């Protein structure tokens, strides 16, 4: 890849980087000796999209605005890539900047080069997007779900990875239990995450969808939706148990998270605060769930 060149530092970029000499910018860097701190000037034709990109859609108008800024000022912030097969580079983060640079007519783009396997790449892409990009709530939830499933993480481990509270991660994941029509309304920003969390208090998907349509039609506030739900629902024993469970020690939640990974979260916990006794009920849908759980126990030498 002889056409890869060292960065010429676009206008304004030099002022944002301290100790430029340490970034190996004073010489051309080839694939063989690129480091995570290197900035290369890479032709766009050698860069391919990130298959693990959490964002599935990009606002064309906003891309055009960024492209115009790049035409005038150049690209201030380099993208981050990894070395892929066939002498290509694959985007870890910065796909929006990459697309805008292409619209702006750039032939080359400044990029940091990192080494990462697929799991590491997936983690970095999702964390970078959650922290720095304006993902909608469903995209965030799907990103969390992918990290849990593909990187074998518990909700607690996930929270540590992305720098969020465990309750925050749980709230996002709960959105995926809503009907598809409501998830689409969230993605289209017709309702907010606050509205969606309120709708989760309704057990019937039909009631959830009916109230969702009313929110959109009447432009109801979250507080108004919560008021409607309070008036149309009554506390049930199951909800009471849930409130009591939420006050339990964090160790109980860790146990439920661990077991839930193997039994599709079909776990229930009942604790008698007065007696200090309780029970855990596991519902499984087939032999594979039990076998996988036993293998996990043997692997950890419990």
Protein backbone atom coordinates (compact mmCIF):
# COMPACT_ATOMS: atom_id res chain seq x y z
CA UNK A 1 0.00 0.00 0.00
CA UNK A 2 2.60 2.45 -1.21
CA UNK A 3 0.08 5.27 -1.67
CA UNK A 4 -0.53 5.53 2.08
CA UNK A 5 1.19 8.72 3.26
CA UNK A 6 1.92 10.45 6.52
CA UNK A 7 -0.63 13.00 7.63
CA UNK A 8 -0.13 16.54 6.43
CA UNK A 9 -2.12 17.81 9.42
CA UNK A 10 -5.15 19.70 8.16
CA UNK A 11 -5.80 23.26 9.29
CA UNK A 12 -6.46 23.36 13.03
CA UNK A 13 -5.43 19.75 13.68
CA UNK A 14 -1.90 20.54 14.83
CA UNK A 15 -3.21 22.79 17.61
CA UNK A 16 -5.30 19.90 18.94
CA UNK A 17 -2.43 17.40 19.23
CA UNK A 18 0.30 17.76 21.84
CA UNK A 19 3.85 16.46 21.37
CA UNK A 20 3.38 15.84 17.64
CA UNK A 21 6.84 14.28 17.24
CA UNK A 22 5.79 11.34 19.45
CA UNK A 23 3.02 10.48 16.99
CA UNK A 24 5.52 9.42 14.29
CA UNK A 25 4.26 12.10 11.95
CA UNK A 26 7.71 13.03 10.68
CA UNK A 27 8.02 9.97 8.44
CA UNK A 28 5.83 7.79 6.24
CA UNK A 29 4.41 4.80 8.09
CA UNK A 30 3.65 1.53 6.31
CA UNK A 31 1.27 -1.22 7.42
CA UNK A 32 4.16 -3.13 8.91
CA UNK A 33 5.21 -0.51 11.45
CA UNK A 34 2.02 1.46 12.10
CA UNK A 35 1.26 1.95 15.80
CA UNK A 36 -1.95 2.89 17.64
CA UNK A 37 -0.56 6.44 17.90
CA UNK A 38 0.31 6.76 14.20
CA UNK A 39 -1.73 9.03 11.96
CA UNK A 40 -1.72 7.88 8.34
CA UNK A 41 -3.10 9.70 5.31
CA UNK A 42 -5.05 6.86 3.71
CA UNK A 43 -6.81 6.86 0.32
CA UNK A 44 -10.55 6.39 0.76
CA UNK A 45 -10.51 3.53 -1.76
CA UNK A 46 -8.44 1.47 0.70
CA UNK A 47 -10.95 1.91 3.56
CA UNK A 48 -13.98 -0.31 4.08
CA UNK A 49 -16.96 0.08 6.42
CA UNK A 50 -17.17 -1.50 9.85
CA UNK A 51 -19.44 -4.61 9.76
CA UNK A 52 -19.98 -4.14 13.50
CA UNK A 53 -21.17 -0.53 13.17
CA UNK A 54 -24.06 -0.06 15.67
CA UNK A 55 -25.51 2.90 13.74
CA UNK A 56 -27.62 1.61 10.87
CA UNK A 57 -28.71 4.93 9.35
CA UNK A 58 -27.13 8.35 8.85
CA UNK A 59 -29.00 11.64 8.41
CA UNK A 60 -28.15 12.76 4.86
CA UNK A 61 -28.71 16.46 5.60
CA UNK A 62 -26.32 16.34 8.57
CA UNK A 63 -23.78 14.46 6.44
CA UNK A 64 -23.97 17.21 3.82
CA UNK A 65 -23.40 19.86 6.51
CA UNK A 66 -20.33 18.00 7.77
CA UNK A 67 -19.11 17.52 4.20
CA UNK A 68 -19.33 21.27 3.57
CA UNK A 69 -17.36 21.93 6.76
CA UNK A 70 -14.70 19.46 5.58
CA UNK A 71 -14.48 21.18 2.20
CA UNK A 72 -13.76 24.50 3.93
CA UNK A 73 -11.69 23.45 6.96
CA UNK A 74 -10.50 19.94 6.18
CA UNK A 75 -11.09 16.98 8.50
CA UNK A 76 -10.13 18.06 12.02
CA UNK A 77 -10.55 14.71 13.79
CA UNK A 78 -8.98 11.57 12.26
CA UNK A 79 -11.02 8.39 12.05
CA UNK A 80 -9.78 5.15 13.67
CA UNK A 81 -9.12 2.03 11.59
CA UNK A 82 -7.62 -1.42 11.89
CA UNK A 83 -5.60 -3.37 9.33
CA UNK A 84 -7.88 -5.79 7.46
CA UNK A 85 -7.30 -8.43 4.81
CA UNK A 86 -6.26 -7.72 1.19
CA UNK A 87 -4.24 -4.64 2.17
CA UNK A 88 -7.36 -2.80 3.30
CA UNK A 89 -8.21 -0.76 6.38
CA UNK A 90 -11.48 -1.29 8.27
CA UNK A 91 -13.21 1.49 10.21
CA UNK A 92 -13.38 1.08 14.00
CA UNK A 93 -14.92 4.49 14.63
CA UNK A 94 -15.65 7.57 12.57
CA UNK A 95 -17.84 6.15 9.78
CA UNK A 96 -19.89 9.36 9.70
CA UNK A 97 -16.70 11.38 9.16
CA UNK A 98 -15.60 8.88 6.48
CA UNK A 99 -18.90 9.20 4.60
CA UNK A 100 -18.83 13.00 4.83
CA UNK A 101 -15.22 13.09 3.58
CA UNK A 102 -16.30 11.03 0.58
CA UNK A 103 -19.17 13.45 -0.11
CA UNK A 104 -16.71 16.34 0.19
CA UNK A 105 -14.62 14.81 -2.58
CA UNK A 106 -11.53 14.01 -0.51
CA UNK A 107 -9.20 11.39 -1.93
CA UNK A 108 -7.33 10.74 1.34
CA UNK A 109 -8.35 10.86 4.99
CA UNK A 110 -6.26 11.04 8.21
CA UNK A 111 -6.66 7.97 10.40
CA UNK A 112 -5.30 6.40 13.57
CA UNK A 113 -4.31 2.76 13.06
CA UNK A 114 -5.10 0.20 15.76
CA UNK A 115 -4.82 -3.57 16.05
CA UNK A 116 -7.99 -5.34 17.16
CA UNK A 117 -9.66 -8.72 16.74
CA UNK A 118 -13.37 -8.86 15.91
CA UNK A 119 -14.52 -8.88 19.55
CA UNK A 120 -12.22 -6.02 20.48
CA UNK A 121 -13.36 -4.15 17.41
CA UNK A 122 -17.01 -4.68 18.24
CA UNK A 123 -16.50 -3.43 21.79
CA UNK A 124 -14.53 -0.36 20.69
CA UNK A 125 -17.04 0.56 17.97
CA UNK A 126 -20.04 0.30 20.27
CA UNK A 127 -18.46 2.11 23.21
CA UNK A 128 -17.16 4.90 20.96
CA UNK A 129 -20.58 5.36 19.36
CA UNK A 130 -22.51 5.30 22.64
CA UNK A 131 -20.24 7.88 24.18
CA UNK A 132 -19.75 10.20 21.21
CA UNK A 133 -22.49 9.68 18.63
CA UNK A 134 -26.17 10.57 18.76
CA UNK A 135 -27.59 7.05 18.57
CA UNK A 136 -31.30 6.66 19.15
CA UNK A 137 -32.40 4.63 22.18
CA UNK A 138 -33.17 1.47 20.19
CA UNK A 139 -29.76 1.54 18.50
CA UNK A 140 -28.15 1.83 21.94
CA UNK A 141 -30.26 -1.07 23.23
CA UNK A 142 -29.36 -3.24 20.23
CA UNK A 143 -25.71 -2.36 20.73
CA UNK A 144 -25.86 -3.42 24.37
CA UNK A 145 -27.62 -6.64 23.37
CA UNK A 146 -24.91 -7.46 20.82
CA UNK A 147 -22.16 -6.96 23.36
CA UNK A 148 -23.94 -9.24 25.81
CA UNK A 149 -24.59 -11.97 23.24
CA UNK A 150 -21.48 -11.83 21.06
CA UNK A 151 -18.95 -10.99 23.77
CA UNK A 152 -20.58 -13.17 26.46
CA UNK A 153 -21.00 -10.34 28.97
CA UNK A 154 -23.41 -9.99 31.89
CA UNK A 155 -25.35 -6.76 32.30
CA UNK A 156 -23.01 -5.79 35.12
CA UNK A 157 -19.89 -6.39 33.01
CA UNK A 158 -21.56 -4.48 30.19
CA UNK A 159 -22.17 -1.50 32.46
CA UNK A 160 -18.48 -1.43 33.39
CA UNK A 161 -17.44 -1.61 29.71
CA UNK A 162 -19.53 1.37 28.63
CA UNK A 163 -19.24 3.45 31.81
CA UNK A 164 -22.96 3.34 32.57
CA UNK A 165 -24.91 2.36 35.68
CA UNK A 166 -26.28 -1.18 35.62
CA UNK A 167 -29.83 0.18 35.94
CA UNK A 168 -29.26 2.34 32.85
CA UNK A 169 -28.20 -0.68 30.79
CA UNK A 170 -31.24 -2.62 32.04
CA UNK A 171 -33.60 0.21 31.09
CA UNK A 172 -32.25 0.28 27.53
CA UNK A 173 -32.52 -3.51 27.15
CA UNK A 174 -36.13 -3.45 28.35
CA UNK A 175 -37.03 -1.30 25.32
CA UNK A 176 -36.44 -4.35 23.11
CA UNK A 177 -39.43 -6.04 24.76
CA UNK A 178 -41.79 -3.42 23.30
CA UNK A 179 -43.77 -4.17 20.08
CA UNK A 180 -41.91 -3.48 16.84
CA UNK A 181 -44.26 -0.57 16.00
CA UNK A 182 -43.28 1.21 19.22
CA UNK A 183 -39.58 0.55 18.63
CA UNK A 184 -39.95 2.16 15.19
CA UNK A 185 -41.68 5.16 16.80
CA UNK A 186 -38.69 5.54 19.15
CA UNK A 187 -36.26 5.34 16.23
CA UNK A 188 -38.27 7.95 14.33
CA UNK A 189 -38.20 10.08 17.50
CA UNK A 190 -41.99 10.28 17.56
CA UNK A 191 -41.84 9.28 21.24
CA UNK A 192 -39.02 9.59 23.76
CA UNK A 193 -37.32 6.96 25.88
CA UNK A 194 -39.27 8.41 28.83
CA UNK A 195 -42.52 7.63 27.04
CA UNK A 196 -41.28 4.14 26.20
CA UNK A 197 -40.29 3.38 29.80
CA UNK A 198 -43.76 4.46 30.94
CA UNK A 199 -45.38 2.15 28.36
CA UNK A 200 -43.46 -0.81 29.79
CA UNK A 201 -45.70 -0.57 32.87
CA UNK A 202 -48.54 -1.91 30.71
CA UNK A 203 -48.45 -5.69 30.36
CA UNK A 204 -50.57 -5.90 27.20
CA UNK A 205 -48.79 -5.11 23.89
CA UNK A 206 -52.16 -3.98 22.48
CA UNK A 207 -52.59 -1.46 25.30
CA UNK A 208 -48.99 -0.31 24.85
CA UNK A 209 -49.54 0.28 21.14
CA UNK A 210 -52.88 2.02 21.68
CA UNK A 211 -51.38 4.44 24.18
CA UNK A 212 -48.33 4.96 21.96
CA UNK A 213 -50.58 6.07 19.11
CA UNK A 214 -52.37 8.42 21.52
CA UNK A 215 -49.03 9.92 22.60
CA UNK A 216 -48.17 10.69 18.98
CA UNK A 217 -51.65 11.97 18.11
CA UNK A 218 -52.06 14.20 21.18
CA UNK A 219 -48.37 15.02 21.75
CA UNK A 220 -48.68 13.85 25.37
CA UNK A 221 -45.94 14.55 27.90
CA UNK A 222 -44.28 11.72 29.83
CA UNK A 223 -45.94 12.91 33.04
CA UNK A 224 -49.38 12.80 31.37
CA UNK A 225 -48.73 9.27 30.10
CA UNK A 226 -47.70 8.12 33.59
CA UNK A 227 -50.89 9.67 34.97
CA UNK A 228 -53.03 7.80 32.43
CA UNK A 229 -51.33 4.52 33.28
CA UNK A 230 -51.81 5.04 37.03
CA UNK A 231 -55.52 5.59 36.50
CA UNK A 232 -56.00 2.53 34.28
CA UNK A 233 -53.93 -0.01 36.18
CA UNK A 234 -54.01 -1.45 39.68
CA UNK A 235 -51.05 -2.83 41.66
CA UNK A 236 -50.77 -6.62 41.40
CA UNK A 237 -48.98 -9.07 43.73
CA UNK A 238 -46.40 -9.63 40.97
CA UNK A 239 -45.56 -5.92 40.89
CA UNK A 240 -45.32 -5.86 44.65
CA UNK A 241 -42.80 -8.69 44.57
CA UNK A 242 -40.80 -6.81 41.95
CA UNK A 243 -40.64 -3.71 44.16
CA UNK A 244 -39.42 -5.80 47.08
CA UNK A 245 -36.84 -7.56 44.90
CA UNK A 246 -35.41 -4.22 43.78
CA UNK A 247 -34.46 -3.47 47.39
CA UNK A 248 -32.39 -6.67 47.74
CA UNK A 249 -28.62 -6.73 48.00
CA UNK A 250 -26.71 -6.37 44.70
CA UNK A 251 -25.46 -9.97 45.04
CA UNK A 252 -28.97 -11.23 44.24
CA UNK A 253 -28.97 -9.29 40.98
CA UNK A 254 -25.55 -10.72 40.09
CA UNK A 255 -26.91 -14.23 40.62
CA UNK A 256 -29.99 -13.53 38.49
CA UNK A 257 -27.78 -12.07 35.73
CA UNK A 258 -25.52 -15.14 35.75
CA UNK A 259 -28.38 -17.64 35.62
CA UNK A 260 -30.35 -15.55 33.14
CA UNK A 261 -27.56 -15.83 30.55
CA UNK A 262 -28.18 -19.55 30.26
CA UNK A 263 -31.96 -19.69 30.68
CA UNK A 264 -33.08 -16.71 28.58
CA UNK A 265 -33.82 -14.71 31.75
CA UNK A 266 -36.64 -17.09 32.73
CA UNK A 267 -35.61 -16.84 36.38
CA UNK A 268 -37.72 -15.78 39.34
CA UNK A 269 -36.57 -15.01 42.88
CA UNK A 270 -38.67 -14.97 46.04
CA UNK A 271 -37.26 -13.88 49.39
CA UNK A 272 -38.92 -13.77 52.81
CA UNK A 273 -37.33 -10.77 54.53
CA UNK A 274 -38.66 -11.77 57.93
CA UNK A 275 -37.36 -15.35 57.88
CA UNK A 276 -34.31 -14.76 55.72
CA UNK A 277 -35.28 -17.69 53.48
CA UNK A 278 -36.21 -17.82 49.83
CA UNK A 279 -36.28 -19.75 46.58
CA UNK A 280 -35.06 -19.44 43.00
CA UNK A 281 -37.17 -20.89 40.17
CA UNK A 282 -35.52 -21.70 36.82
CA UNK A 283 -37.66 -22.34 33.75
CA UNK A 284 -35.82 -23.89 30.79
CA UNK A 285 -37.03 -24.47 27.22
CA UNK A 286 -34.83 -27.43 26.29
CA UNK A 287 -31.89 -29.72 27.09
CA UNK A 288 -29.37 -27.34 25.48
CA UNK A 289 -29.94 -24.65 28.12
CA UNK A 290 -29.23 -27.13 30.93
CA UNK A 291 -26.19 -28.60 29.14
CA UNK A 292 -24.67 -25.17 28.46
CA UNK A 293 -25.22 -24.19 32.10
CA UNK A 294 -23.50 -27.35 33.36
CA UNK A 295 -20.57 -26.75 31.01
CA UNK A 296 -20.21 -23.23 32.39
CA UNK A 297 -20.13 -24.54 35.97
CA UNK A 298 -17.52 -27.18 35.09
CA UNK A 299 -15.42 -24.57 33.28
CA UNK A 300 -15.29 -22.32 36.35
CA UNK A 301 -14.52 -25.27 38.66
CA UNK A 302 -17.41 -24.43 41.00
